[in-house]
Amino acid sequence: MQPSIEYFLLVIAVLIIVSILANKVSGRLGVPALLIFLLVGMLAGSEGPGGIYFDDPWVAQAVGVIALTYILFSGGLDTRWCE
């Protein structure tokens, strides 16, 4: 049985919400947000309780490129040009 698109959208939405909450918690704890995001990814992966099995290298590359584009775009917008 193929998982439906609704399932994928729900998983993505939950991961985004968990990431936002983790970012808020990391600020209060003084832990870098990157470590919290890494932990969330490990928990969501195939070896963690999330059990998301991912074996398509082309989709992994596409997701990585989109994530890198977002990170660079966000970093460019958040950069302060005046000191």
Protein backbone atom coordinates (compact mmCIF):
# COMPACT_ATOMS: atom_id res chain seq x y z
CA MET A 1 0.00 0.00 0.00
CA GLN A 2 1.42 3.38 -1.06
CA PRO A 3 1.28 6.13 1.57
CA SER A 4 -0.89 9.02 0.45
CA ILE A 5 0.23 12.60 -0.07
CA GLU A 6 -1.74 13.58 3.03
CA TYR A 7 0.53 11.35 5.12
CA PHE A 8 3.65 13.01 3.71
CA LEU A 9 2.23 16.49 4.29
CA LEU A 10 1.32 15.57 7.86
CA VAL A 11 4.83 14.24 8.57
CA ILE A 12 6.42 17.36 7.07
CA ALA A 13 4.10 19.63 9.08
CA VAL A 14 4.88 17.80 12.32
CA LEU A 15 8.63 18.00 11.66
CA ILE A 16 8.39 21.74 10.96
CA ILE A 17 6.39 22.33 14.15
CA VAL A 18 8.87 20.27 16.19
CA SER A 19 11.76 22.21 14.62
CA ILE A 20 10.17 25.56 15.49
CA LEU A 21 9.57 24.46 19.07
CA ALA A 22 13.10 23.06 19.28
CA ASN A 23 14.48 26.40 18.09
CA LYS A 24 12.62 28.20 20.87
CA VAL A 25 13.85 25.72 23.48
CA SER A 26 17.44 25.87 22.22
CA GLY A 27 17.48 29.64 22.70
CA ARG A 28 16.41 29.28 26.31
CA LEU A 29 18.86 26.47 27.04
CA GLY A 30 21.79 28.13 25.30
CA VAL A 31 22.28 25.15 22.98
CA PRO A 32 22.95 25.86 19.29
CA ALA A 33 19.81 25.32 17.19
CA LEU A 34 21.79 23.21 14.73
CA LEU A 35 22.35 20.54 17.39
CA ILE A 36 18.65 20.46 18.19
CA PHE A 37 17.77 20.13 14.48
CA LEU A 38 20.29 17.31 14.16
CA LEU A 39 18.69 15.52 17.10
CA VAL A 40 15.19 15.96 15.61
CA GLY A 41 16.44 14.54 12.29
CA MET A 42 18.02 11.55 14.00
CA LEU A 43 14.84 10.83 15.94
CA ALA A 44 12.72 11.09 12.78
CA GLY A 45 15.05 8.85 10.74
CA SER A 46 14.84 5.14 10.06
CA GLU A 47 16.85 4.17 13.15
CA GLY A 48 14.87 6.44 15.48
CA PRO A 49 11.31 6.23 16.77
CA GLY A 50 10.05 8.24 13.78
CA GLY A 51 10.88 5.39 11.44
CA ILE A 52 11.03 7.44 8.25
CA TYR A 53 12.87 5.16 5.83
CA PHE A 54 14.61 7.10 3.07
CA ASP A 55 16.42 5.33 0.26
CA ASP A 56 16.11 7.58 -2.80
CA PRO A 57 19.36 9.50 -3.41
CA TRP A 58 17.81 11.79 -6.03
CA VAL A 59 15.10 13.00 -3.67
CA ALA A 60 17.69 13.37 -0.89
CA GLN A 61 19.78 15.59 -3.15
CA ALA A 62 16.74 17.66 -4.15
CA VAL A 63 15.74 18.14 -0.51
CA GLY A 64 19.34 19.08 0.37
CA VAL A 65 19.55 21.64 -2.44
CA ILE A 66 16.23 23.19 -1.42
CA ALA A 67 17.35 23.32 2.22
CA LEU A 68 20.68 24.88 1.28
CA THR A 69 18.93 27.48 -0.88
CA TYR A 70 16.62 28.36 2.00
CA ILE A 71 19.52 28.62 4.45
CA LEU A 72 21.50 30.92 2.16
CA PHE A 73 18.44 33.03 1.38
CA SER A 74 17.55 33.36 5.07
CA GLY A 75 21.14 34.18 6.00
CA GLY A 76 21.26 36.88 3.35
CA LEU A 77 18.05 38.46 4.61
CA ASP A 78 19.15 38.35 8.26
CA THR A 79 22.60 39.84 7.65
CA ARG A 80 23.03 43.31 9.16
CA TRP A 81 24.84 45.57 6.74
CA CYS A 82 25.33 48.53 9.14
CA GLU A 83 27.24 48.15 12.35
